[in-house]
């Protein structure tokens, strides 16, 4: 067996968890031998959606292609229990319950005709309503909309074989993390397919985040679009969002965008959001009116 040893996952940094996860995911994706694999997570002390969702997609993609992968879990019993509760690494297409401060690790597979994305969206809507029942309807919609928008975009446009979503509520820290990953058509490739010019993959991602591309009739966007999601998360919910696609990675907090260059790419799209739990007087329409037109 070939062992892939993950670095120590710890702390809350979205960027650190993402960087470490895509490096491990790259090792899994790149392995082309005949032996089985062991994913060694024993050093890890803490996980976030930014680390778990890319690993889930890489794991399931490899297993689907015939490679057996065993997972050595962290030594921390609470981490073992958490991973078991959220169905890591296999995930589920039929989430039926929420756990303490978390929703299950949900798969968006395997073809548009399977209806998995629609099923997961409907189930997440129900689970989110239970999890945040004490919030006002507008505040609850503010949490839900980024998930539905990105899942819908994956379902309609990425043509992915596999995607996954994980929602984690850090109640004691007053923020929520969402990770959504697919292995489908990248943002830059989607622009290329629709004759949209851009200078680099980071440039393509930034154009999508800012809504600079006129997409009507091109099939690049639907619903409220990426711009609304970014505006809602970063401005309305005082959060941050990381979008990685092909060779590009951009992290935005509030109105500040920071392009990142990494030697490891992602053959699809990764979206990780961190957002504050909204107050009851939160007004969703303040962040979506006139956007996505």
C-alpha atoms as a PDB file:
ATOM      1  CA  UNK A   1       0.000   0.000   0.000  1.00  0.00           C
ATOM      2  CA  UNK A   2       1.127   3.552  -0.714  1.00  0.00           C
ATOM      3  CA  UNK A   3       0.750   6.016   2.146  1.00  0.00           C
ATOM      4  CA  UNK A   4      -0.168   9.664   1.560  1.00  0.00           C
ATOM      5  CA  UNK A   5       0.556  11.566   4.758  1.00  0.00           C
ATOM      6  CA  UNK A   6      -1.435  14.751   5.239  1.00  0.00           C
ATOM      7  CA  UNK A   7       0.189  17.652   7.088  1.00  0.00           C
ATOM      8  CA  UNK A   8      -1.271  18.717  10.414  1.00  0.00           C
ATOM      9  CA  UNK A   9      -4.650  20.343   9.883  1.00  0.00           C
ATOM     10  CA  UNK A  10      -5.216  22.761  12.757  1.00  0.00           C
ATOM     11  CA  UNK A  11      -6.507  26.271  13.427  1.00  0.00           C
ATOM     12  CA  UNK A  12      -9.232  28.206  11.617  1.00  0.00           C
ATOM     13  CA  UNK A  13      -7.436  29.770   8.639  1.00  0.00           C
ATOM     14  CA  UNK A  14      -9.415  29.136   5.444  1.00  0.00           C
ATOM     15  CA  UNK A  15      -6.341  29.701   3.328  1.00  0.00           C
ATOM     16  CA  UNK A  16      -4.116  27.332   5.308  1.00  0.00           C
ATOM     17  CA  UNK A  17      -6.697  24.544   5.288  1.00  0.00           C
ATOM     18  CA  UNK A  18      -7.286  25.040   1.561  1.00  0.00           C
ATOM     19  CA  UNK A  19      -3.568  25.047   0.676  1.00  0.00           C
ATOM     20  CA  UNK A  20      -2.868  21.880   2.637  1.00  0.00           C
ATOM     21  CA  UNK A  21      -5.954  20.111   1.320  1.00  0.00           C
ATOM     22  CA  UNK A  22      -5.292  20.747  -2.370  1.00  0.00           C
ATOM     23  CA  UNK A  23      -1.721  19.499  -1.986  1.00  0.00           C
ATOM     24  CA  UNK A  24      -2.964  16.229  -0.484  1.00  0.00           C
ATOM     25  CA  UNK A  25      -5.777  16.028  -3.039  1.00  0.00           C
ATOM     26  CA  UNK A  26      -3.213  16.494  -5.802  1.00  0.00           C
ATOM     27  CA  UNK A  27      -1.218  13.526  -4.483  1.00  0.00           C
ATOM     28  CA  UNK A  28      -4.370  11.407  -4.523  1.00  0.00           C
ATOM     29  CA  UNK A  29      -5.368  12.537  -8.020  1.00  0.00           C
ATOM     30  CA  UNK A  30      -1.860  12.093  -9.425  1.00  0.00           C
ATOM     31  CA  UNK A  31      -1.295   8.563  -8.160  1.00  0.00           C
ATOM     32  CA  UNK A  32      -1.320   6.135 -11.091  1.00  0.00           C
ATOM     33  CA  UNK A  33       0.102   2.971  -9.521  1.00  0.00           C
ATOM     34  CA  UNK A  34      -1.590  -0.369  -8.947  1.00  0.00           C
ATOM     35  CA  UNK A  35      -1.299  -0.481  -5.155  1.00  0.00           C
ATOM     36  CA  UNK A  36      -4.017   0.631  -2.776  1.00  0.00           C
ATOM     37  CA  UNK A  37      -3.659   3.963  -1.000  1.00  0.00           C
ATOM     38  CA  UNK A  38      -3.711   4.983   2.645  1.00  0.00           C
ATOM     39  CA  UNK A  39      -4.734   8.555   3.445  1.00  0.00           C
ATOM     40  CA  UNK A  40      -2.993   9.331   6.734  1.00  0.00           C
ATOM     41  CA  UNK A  41      -4.781  12.025   8.755  1.00  0.00           C
ATOM     42  CA  UNK A  42      -3.307  11.020  12.116  1.00  0.00           C
ATOM     43  CA  UNK A  43      -1.463  14.337  12.610  1.00  0.00           C
ATOM     44  CA  UNK A  44      -4.601  16.424  12.223  1.00  0.00           C
ATOM     45  CA  UNK A  45      -6.232  18.223  15.146  1.00  0.00           C
ATOM     46  CA  UNK A  46      -8.992  20.250  13.471  1.00  0.00           C
ATOM     47  CA  UNK A  47     -10.849  20.311  10.167  1.00  0.00           C
ATOM     48  CA  UNK A  48     -12.902  22.850   8.260  1.00  0.00           C
ATOM     49  CA  UNK A  49     -14.939  22.537   5.043  1.00  0.00           C
ATOM     50  CA  UNK A  50     -11.937  24.080   3.250  1.00  0.00           C
ATOM     51  CA  UNK A  51      -9.924  20.964   4.063  1.00  0.00           C
ATOM     52  CA  UNK A  52     -12.526  18.197   4.059  1.00  0.00           C
ATOM     53  CA  UNK A  53     -14.482  18.899   0.874  1.00  0.00           C
ATOM     54  CA  UNK A  54     -11.522  18.847  -1.586  1.00  0.00           C
ATOM     55  CA  UNK A  55     -10.295  15.639   0.081  1.00  0.00           C
ATOM     56  CA  UNK A  56     -13.780  14.116  -0.210  1.00  0.00           C
ATOM     57  CA  UNK A  57     -13.989  14.826  -3.942  1.00  0.00           C
ATOM     58  CA  UNK A  58     -10.447  13.560  -4.618  1.00  0.00           C
ATOM     59  CA  UNK A  59     -11.128  10.420  -2.559  1.00  0.00           C
ATOM     60  CA  UNK A  60     -14.427   9.564  -4.225  1.00  0.00           C
ATOM     61  CA  UNK A  61     -13.106  10.276  -7.712  1.00  0.00           C
ATOM     62  CA  UNK A  62     -10.185   7.913  -7.157  1.00  0.00           C
ATOM     63  CA  UNK A  63     -12.345   5.194  -5.599  1.00  0.00           C
ATOM     64  CA  UNK A  64     -14.806   5.446  -8.488  1.00  0.00           C
ATOM     65  CA  UNK A  65     -11.895   4.830 -10.856  1.00  0.00           C
ATOM     66  CA  UNK A  66     -10.991   1.605  -9.055  1.00  0.00           C
ATOM     67  CA  UNK A  67      -8.371   2.523  -6.453  1.00  0.00           C
ATOM     68  CA  UNK A  68      -9.047   1.364  -2.907  1.00  0.00           C
ATOM     69  CA  UNK A  69      -8.247   3.980  -0.262  1.00  0.00           C
ATOM     70  CA  UNK A  70      -8.077   3.378   3.476  1.00  0.00           C
ATOM     71  CA  UNK A  71      -8.179   6.360   5.817  1.00  0.00           C
ATOM     72  CA  UNK A  72      -6.139   6.498   9.022  1.00  0.00           C
ATOM     73  CA  UNK A  73      -8.174   8.812  11.228  1.00  0.00           C
ATOM     74  CA  UNK A  74      -6.821  11.407  13.675  1.00  0.00           C
ATOM     75  CA  UNK A  75      -5.862  10.139  17.108  1.00  0.00           C
ATOM     76  CA  UNK A  76      -8.282  12.619  18.695  1.00  0.00           C
ATOM     77  CA  UNK A  77     -11.498  10.733  19.476  1.00  0.00           C
ATOM     78  CA  UNK A  78     -13.697  13.814  19.014  1.00  0.00           C
ATOM     79  CA  UNK A  79     -12.288  14.309  15.514  1.00  0.00           C
ATOM     80  CA  UNK A  80     -12.916  10.640  14.729  1.00  0.00           C
ATOM     81  CA  UNK A  81     -16.510  10.985  15.896  1.00  0.00           C
ATOM     82  CA  UNK A  82     -17.024  14.175  13.897  1.00  0.00           C
ATOM     83  CA  UNK A  83     -15.715  12.635  10.664  1.00  0.00           C
ATOM     84  CA  UNK A  84     -17.955   9.625  11.186  1.00  0.00           C
ATOM     85  CA  UNK A  85     -21.018  11.795  11.833  1.00  0.00           C
ATOM     86  CA  UNK A  86     -20.613  13.844   8.662  1.00  0.00           C
ATOM     87  CA  UNK A  87     -19.928  10.718   6.552  1.00  0.00           C
ATOM     88  CA  UNK A  88     -16.325  11.580   5.677  1.00  0.00           C
ATOM     89  CA  UNK A  89     -14.832  10.616   3.302  1.00  0.00           C
ATOM     90  CA  UNK A  90     -17.673   8.912   1.405  1.00  0.00           C
ATOM     91  CA  UNK A  91     -20.353  11.568   1.835  1.00  0.00           C
ATOM     92  CA  UNK A  92     -24.042  11.041   1.120  1.00  0.00           C
ATOM     93  CA  UNK A  93     -26.542  11.970  -1.579  1.00  0.00           C
ATOM     94  CA  UNK A  94     -29.443  11.644   0.858  1.00  0.00           C
ATOM     95  CA  UNK A  95     -28.813  13.850   3.902  1.00  0.00           C
ATOM     96  CA  UNK A  96     -31.480  13.004   6.432  1.00  0.00           C
ATOM     97  CA  UNK A  97     -30.374  14.776   9.604  1.00  0.00           C
ATOM     98  CA  UNK A  98     -28.109  17.460  10.957  1.00  0.00           C
ATOM     99  CA  UNK A  99     -25.562  16.837  13.663  1.00  0.00           C
ATOM    100  CA  UNK A 100     -24.235  19.074  16.397  1.00  0.00           C
ATOM    101  CA  UNK A 101     -23.442  22.350  14.578  1.00  0.00           C
ATOM    102  CA  UNK A 102     -23.020  20.615  11.224  1.00  0.00           C
ATOM    103  CA  UNK A 103     -24.840  19.345   8.177  1.00  0.00           C
ATOM    104  CA  UNK A 104     -23.721  16.109   6.497  1.00  0.00           C
ATOM    105  CA  UNK A 105     -21.028  15.972   3.831  1.00  0.00           C
ATOM    106  CA  UNK A 106     -23.243  15.840   0.740  1.00  0.00           C
ATOM    107  CA  UNK A 107     -22.285  14.514  -2.688  1.00  0.00           C
ATOM    108  CA  UNK A 108     -23.476  16.115  -5.914  1.00  0.00           C
ATOM    109  CA  UNK A 109     -23.000  13.240  -8.305  1.00  0.00           C
ATOM    110  CA  UNK A 110     -22.855  11.647 -10.895  1.00  0.00           C
ATOM    111  CA  UNK A 111     -24.809  13.169 -13.772  1.00  0.00           C
ATOM    112  CA  UNK A 112     -27.405  15.931 -14.182  1.00  0.00           C
ATOM    113  CA  UNK A 113     -30.073  13.281 -14.797  1.00  0.00           C
ATOM    114  CA  UNK A 114     -29.457  11.766 -11.353  1.00  0.00           C
ATOM    115  CA  UNK A 115     -31.107  14.752  -9.685  1.00  0.00           C
ATOM    116  CA  UNK A 116     -28.573  14.579  -6.841  1.00  0.00           C
ATOM    117  CA  UNK A 117     -27.921  18.325  -6.773  1.00  0.00           C
ATOM    118  CA  UNK A 118     -31.627  19.147  -6.614  1.00  0.00           C
ATOM    119  CA  UNK A 119     -32.180  16.512  -3.920  1.00  0.00           C
ATOM    120  CA  UNK A 120     -29.284  17.788  -1.822  1.00  0.00           C
ATOM    121  CA  UNK A 121     -30.467  21.402  -2.171  1.00  0.00           C
ATOM    122  CA  UNK A 122     -33.951  20.480  -0.997  1.00  0.00           C
ATOM    123  CA  UNK A 123     -32.635  18.474   1.948  1.00  0.00           C
ATOM    124  CA  UNK A 124     -30.192  21.221   2.938  1.00  0.00           C
ATOM    125  CA  UNK A 125     -33.018  23.749   2.847  1.00  0.00           C
ATOM    126  CA  UNK A 126     -34.992  21.636   5.308  1.00  0.00           C
ATOM    127  CA  UNK A 127     -32.011  20.998   7.578  1.00  0.00           C
ATOM    128  CA  UNK A 128     -30.971  24.660   7.583  1.00  0.00           C
ATOM    129  CA  UNK A 129     -34.483  25.667   8.576  1.00  0.00           C
ATOM    130  CA  UNK A 130     -34.245  23.370  11.595  1.00  0.00           C
ATOM    131  CA  UNK A 131     -30.688  24.419  12.478  1.00  0.00           C
ATOM    132  CA  UNK A 132     -31.453  28.159  12.354  1.00  0.00           C
ATOM    133  CA  UNK A 133     -35.106  28.114  13.317  1.00  0.00           C
ATOM    134  CA  UNK A 134     -34.594  30.961  15.792  1.00  0.00           C
ATOM    135  CA  UNK A 135     -33.404  33.374  13.079  1.00  0.00           C
ATOM    136  CA  UNK A 136     -35.695  35.643  11.114  1.00  0.00           C
ATOM    137  CA  UNK A 137     -36.702  34.342   7.655  1.00  0.00           C
ATOM    138  CA  UNK A 138     -34.525  36.977   5.951  1.00  0.00           C
ATOM    139  CA  UNK A 139     -31.475  36.071   8.060  1.00  0.00           C
ATOM    140  CA  UNK A 140     -32.016  32.378   7.377  1.00  0.00           C
ATOM    141  CA  UNK A 141     -32.251  33.098   3.649  1.00  0.00           C
ATOM    142  CA  UNK A 142     -29.002  35.038   3.884  1.00  0.00           C
ATOM    143  CA  UNK A 143     -27.238  31.899   5.089  1.00  0.00           C
ATOM    144  CA  UNK A 144     -29.003  29.638   2.608  1.00  0.00           C
ATOM    145  CA  UNK A 145     -28.676  31.652  -0.600  1.00  0.00           C
ATOM    146  CA  UNK A 146     -24.904  31.222  -1.135  1.00  0.00           C
ATOM    147  CA  UNK A 147     -25.295  27.451  -0.859  1.00  0.00           C
ATOM    148  CA  UNK A 148     -28.184  27.242  -3.296  1.00  0.00           C
ATOM    149  CA  UNK A 149     -26.584  29.605  -5.798  1.00  0.00           C
ATOM    150  CA  UNK A 150     -23.319  27.666  -5.982  1.00  0.00           C
ATOM    151  CA  UNK A 151     -24.975  24.235  -5.974  1.00  0.00           C
ATOM    152  CA  UNK A 152     -27.286  25.401  -8.760  1.00  0.00           C
ATOM    153  CA  UNK A 153     -24.330  26.685 -10.779  1.00  0.00           C
ATOM    154  CA  UNK A 154     -22.558  23.333 -10.399  1.00  0.00           C
ATOM    155  CA  UNK A 155     -25.704  21.447 -11.385  1.00  0.00           C
ATOM    156  CA  UNK A 156     -26.407  23.568 -14.453  1.00  0.00           C
ATOM    157  CA  UNK A 157     -23.018  24.466 -15.866  1.00  0.00           C
ATOM    158  CA  UNK A 158     -20.002  22.552 -14.609  1.00  0.00           C
ATOM    159  CA  UNK A 159     -20.929  19.153 -16.116  1.00  0.00           C
ATOM    160  CA  UNK A 160     -19.126  17.613 -13.162  1.00  0.00           C
ATOM    161  CA  UNK A 161     -18.869  13.916 -12.444  1.00  0.00           C
ATOM    162  CA  UNK A 162     -18.601  14.631  -8.762  1.00  0.00           C
ATOM    163  CA  UNK A 163     -19.110  17.503  -6.363  1.00  0.00           C
ATOM    164  CA  UNK A 164     -19.550  17.874  -2.617  1.00  0.00           C
ATOM    165  CA  UNK A 165     -20.805  20.406  -0.076  1.00  0.00           C
ATOM    166  CA  UNK A 166     -20.269  20.724   3.676  1.00  0.00           C
ATOM    167  CA  UNK A 167     -21.770  23.287   6.066  1.00  0.00           C
ATOM    168  CA  UNK A 168     -20.275  23.800   9.534  1.00  0.00           C
ATOM    169  CA  UNK A 169     -21.596  26.190  12.176  1.00  0.00           C
ATOM    170  CA  UNK A 170     -19.018  27.353  14.721  1.00  0.00           C
ATOM    171  CA  UNK A 171     -21.547  28.585  17.250  1.00  0.00           C
ATOM    172  CA  UNK A 172     -19.023  29.634  19.898  1.00  0.00           C
ATOM    173  CA  UNK A 173     -17.168  31.722  17.299  1.00  0.00           C
ATOM    174  CA  UNK A 174     -20.288  33.173  15.640  1.00  0.00           C
ATOM    175  CA  UNK A 175     -19.432  32.170  12.089  1.00  0.00           C
ATOM    176  CA  UNK A 176     -20.423  29.545   9.557  1.00  0.00           C
ATOM    177  CA  UNK A 177     -18.175  27.854   7.002  1.00  0.00           C
ATOM    178  CA  UNK A 178     -19.424  26.482   3.693  1.00  0.00           C
ATOM    179  CA  UNK A 179     -17.286  24.450   1.312  1.00  0.00           C
ATOM    180  CA  UNK A 180     -18.486  23.477  -2.171  1.00  0.00           C
ATOM    181  CA  UNK A 181     -16.212  21.664  -4.616  1.00  0.00           C
ATOM    182  CA  UNK A 182     -16.675  20.122  -8.065  1.00  0.00           C
ATOM    183  CA  UNK A 183     -14.476  18.442 -10.654  1.00  0.00           C
ATOM    184  CA  UNK A 184     -16.283  19.895 -13.664  1.00  0.00           C
ATOM    185  CA  UNK A 185     -15.710  22.671 -16.175  1.00  0.00           C
ATOM    186  CA  UNK A 186     -13.598  25.411 -14.607  1.00  0.00           C
ATOM    187  CA  UNK A 187     -14.534  29.088 -14.588  1.00  0.00           C
ATOM    188  CA  UNK A 188     -11.715  29.930 -17.055  1.00  0.00           C
ATOM    189  CA  UNK A 189     -12.707  27.048 -19.343  1.00  0.00           C
ATOM    190  CA  UNK A 190     -16.348  28.083 -19.208  1.00  0.00           C
ATOM    191  CA  UNK A 191     -15.338  31.581 -20.306  1.00  0.00           C
ATOM    192  CA  UNK A 192     -13.184  30.134 -23.102  1.00  0.00           C
ATOM    193  CA  UNK A 193     -16.124  28.026 -24.264  1.00  0.00           C
ATOM    194  CA  UNK A 194     -18.191  31.206 -24.570  1.00  0.00           C
ATOM    195  CA  UNK A 195     -15.475  33.345 -26.220  1.00  0.00           C
ATOM    196  CA  UNK A 196     -14.887  35.522 -23.169  1.00  0.00           C
ATOM    197  CA  UNK A 197     -11.388  37.050 -23.200  1.00  0.00           C
ATOM    198  CA  UNK A 198      -9.253  37.207 -20.062  1.00  0.00           C
ATOM    199  CA  UNK A 199      -5.560  37.583 -19.246  1.00  0.00           C
ATOM    200  CA  UNK A 200      -5.099  34.809 -16.667  1.00  0.00           C
ATOM    201  CA  UNK A 201      -7.102  32.306 -14.658  1.00  0.00           C
ATOM    202  CA  UNK A 202      -7.046  34.710 -11.702  1.00  0.00           C
ATOM    203  CA  UNK A 203      -8.393  37.389 -14.033  1.00  0.00           C
ATOM    204  CA  UNK A 204     -11.239  35.094 -15.127  1.00  0.00           C
ATOM    205  CA  UNK A 205     -12.201  34.369 -11.531  1.00  0.00           C
ATOM    206  CA  UNK A 206     -12.095  38.068 -10.636  1.00  0.00           C
ATOM    207  CA  UNK A 207     -14.283  38.912 -13.641  1.00  0.00           C
ATOM    208  CA  UNK A 208     -16.828  36.340 -12.477  1.00  0.00           C
ATOM    209  CA  UNK A 209     -16.725  37.649  -8.902  1.00  0.00           C
ATOM    210  CA  UNK A 210     -17.288  41.236 -10.054  1.00  0.00           C
ATOM    211  CA  UNK A 211     -19.949  40.422 -12.648  1.00  0.00           C
ATOM    212  CA  UNK A 212     -17.933  42.087 -15.402  1.00  0.00           C
ATOM    213  CA  UNK A 213     -19.017  39.587 -18.052  1.00  0.00           C
ATOM    214  CA  UNK A 214     -22.311  39.973 -19.857  1.00  0.00           C
ATOM    215  CA  UNK A 215     -23.562  36.405 -19.655  1.00  0.00           C
ATOM    216  CA  UNK A 216     -27.142  36.578 -20.854  1.00  0.00           C
ATOM    217  CA  UNK A 217     -27.648  34.013 -23.556  1.00  0.00           C
ATOM    218  CA  UNK A 218     -24.214  32.487 -23.017  1.00  0.00           C
ATOM    219  CA  UNK A 219     -25.053  30.061 -20.242  1.00  0.00           C
ATOM    220  CA  UNK A 220     -22.180  31.279 -18.077  1.00  0.00           C
ATOM    221  CA  UNK A 221     -24.402  32.397 -15.232  1.00  0.00           C
ATOM    222  CA  UNK A 222     -27.918  31.948 -13.921  1.00  0.00           C
ATOM    223  CA  UNK A 223     -29.893  32.788 -10.811  1.00  0.00           C
ATOM    224  CA  UNK A 224     -28.381  35.766  -9.029  1.00  0.00           C
ATOM    225  CA  UNK A 225     -24.868  34.696  -9.989  1.00  0.00           C
ATOM    226  CA  UNK A 226     -21.448  34.650  -8.392  1.00  0.00           C
ATOM    227  CA  UNK A 227     -21.408  38.417  -7.897  1.00  0.00           C
ATOM    228  CA  UNK A 228     -24.437  38.256  -5.624  1.00  0.00           C
ATOM    229  CA  UNK A 229     -22.906  35.421  -3.614  1.00  0.00           C
ATOM    230  CA  UNK A 230     -19.655  37.358  -3.154  1.00  0.00           C
ATOM    231  CA  UNK A 231     -21.484  40.564  -2.221  1.00  0.00           C
ATOM    232  CA  UNK A 232     -23.777  38.784   0.212  1.00  0.00           C
ATOM    233  CA  UNK A 233     -20.988  36.861   1.956  1.00  0.00           C
ATOM    234  CA  UNK A 234     -18.341  39.593   2.077  1.00  0.00           C
ATOM    235  CA  UNK A 235     -20.483  42.683   2.625  1.00  0.00           C
ATOM    236  CA  UNK A 236     -23.819  41.510   3.992  1.00  0.00           C
ATOM    237  CA  UNK A 237     -22.469  38.792   6.285  1.00  0.00           C
ATOM    238  CA  UNK A 238     -19.083  40.363   7.088  1.00  0.00           C
ATOM    239  CA  UNK A 239     -17.283  37.319   5.771  1.00  0.00           C
ATOM    240  CA  UNK A 240     -14.728  36.083   3.301  1.00  0.00           C
ATOM    241  CA  UNK A 241     -14.810  33.873   0.234  1.00  0.00           C
ATOM    242  CA  UNK A 242     -12.129  31.859  -1.524  1.00  0.00           C
ATOM    243  CA  UNK A 243     -12.659  30.776  -5.125  1.00  0.00           C
ATOM    244  CA  UNK A 244     -10.168  28.494  -6.865  1.00  0.00           C
ATOM    245  CA  UNK A 245     -10.545  27.197 -10.406  1.00  0.00           C
ATOM    246  CA  UNK A 246      -7.910  25.657 -12.682  1.00  0.00           C
ATOM    247  CA  UNK A 247      -4.715  27.679 -12.030  1.00  0.00           C
ATOM    248  CA  UNK A 248      -6.390  30.610 -10.294  1.00  0.00           C
ATOM    249  CA  UNK A 249      -7.160  31.344  -6.653  1.00  0.00           C
ATOM    250  CA  UNK A 250      -8.657  34.527  -5.219  1.00  0.00           C
ATOM    251  CA  UNK A 251      -9.452  35.256  -1.588  1.00  0.00           C
ATOM    252  CA  UNK A 252     -11.786  38.171  -0.843  1.00  0.00           C
ATOM    253  CA  UNK A 253     -12.543  39.624   2.584  1.00  0.00           C
ATOM    254  CA  UNK A 254     -15.001  42.508   2.657  1.00  0.00           C
ATOM    255  CA  UNK A 255     -14.104  44.448  -0.522  1.00  0.00           C
ATOM    256  CA  UNK A 256     -10.426  43.437  -0.710  1.00  0.00           C
ATOM    257  CA  UNK A 257      -9.419  40.769  -3.242  1.00  0.00           C
ATOM    258  CA  UNK A 258      -6.058  39.007  -2.967  1.00  0.00           C
ATOM    259  CA  UNK A 259      -4.943  36.808  -5.910  1.00  0.00           C
ATOM    260  CA  UNK A 260      -2.891  33.767  -4.929  1.00  0.00           C
ATOM    261  CA  UNK A 261      -0.532  31.691  -7.026  1.00  0.00           C
ATOM    262  CA  UNK A 262       0.029  28.046  -6.129  1.00  0.00           C
ATOM    263  CA  UNK A 263       1.905  25.315  -7.999  1.00  0.00           C
ATOM    264  CA  UNK A 264      -1.066  22.954  -7.620  1.00  0.00           C
ATOM    265  CA  UNK A 265      -4.201  23.547  -9.689  1.00  0.00           C
ATOM    266  CA  UNK A 266      -7.739  22.228  -9.233  1.00  0.00           C
ATOM    267  CA  UNK A 267      -9.537  20.593 -12.191  1.00  0.00           C
ATOM    268  CA  UNK A 268     -12.887  22.137 -11.357  1.00  0.00           C
ATOM    269  CA  UNK A 269     -13.997  24.835  -8.942  1.00  0.00           C
ATOM    270  CA  UNK A 270     -13.620  25.265  -5.184  1.00  0.00           C
ATOM    271  CA  UNK A 271     -15.716  27.817  -3.301  1.00  0.00           C
ATOM    272  CA  UNK A 272     -15.207  28.264   0.431  1.00  0.00           C
ATOM    273  CA  UNK A 273     -17.217  30.858   2.362  1.00  0.00           C
ATOM    274  CA  UNK A 274     -16.936  32.039   5.938  1.00  0.00           C
ATOM    275  CA  UNK A 275     -19.735  34.292   7.123  1.00  0.00           C
ATOM    276  CA  UNK A 276     -21.078  35.712  10.351  1.00  0.00           C
ATOM    277  CA  UNK A 277     -24.477  34.667  11.633  1.00  0.00           C
ATOM    278  CA  UNK A 278     -26.783  37.555  10.668  1.00  0.00           C
ATOM    279  CA  UNK A 279     -28.808  39.602  13.119  1.00  0.00           C
ATOM    280  CA  UNK A 280     -32.586  39.372  13.060  1.00  0.00           C
ATOM    281  CA  UNK A 281     -32.865  42.765  11.327  1.00  0.00           C
ATOM    282  CA  UNK A 282     -30.721  41.555   8.404  1.00  0.00           C
ATOM    283  CA  UNK A 283     -32.262  42.616   5.070  1.00  0.00           C
ATOM    284  CA  UNK A 284     -31.436  40.197   2.261  1.00  0.00           C
ATOM    285  CA  UNK A 285     -32.752  42.518  -0.459  1.00  0.00           C
ATOM    286  CA  UNK A 286     -30.099  45.091   0.433  1.00  0.00           C
ATOM    287  CA  UNK A 287     -27.518  42.746  -1.097  1.00  0.00           C
ATOM    288  CA  UNK A 288     -29.323  41.192  -4.052  1.00  0.00           C
ATOM    289  CA  UNK A 289     -31.433  44.015  -5.518  1.00  0.00           C
ATOM    290  CA  UNK A 290     -30.240  44.879  -8.986  1.00  0.00           C
ATOM    291  CA  UNK A 291     -27.442  42.313  -8.938  1.00  0.00           C
ATOM    292  CA  UNK A 292     -27.236  39.560 -11.493  1.00  0.00           C
ATOM    293  CA  UNK A 293     -29.048  41.612 -14.150  1.00  0.00           C
END
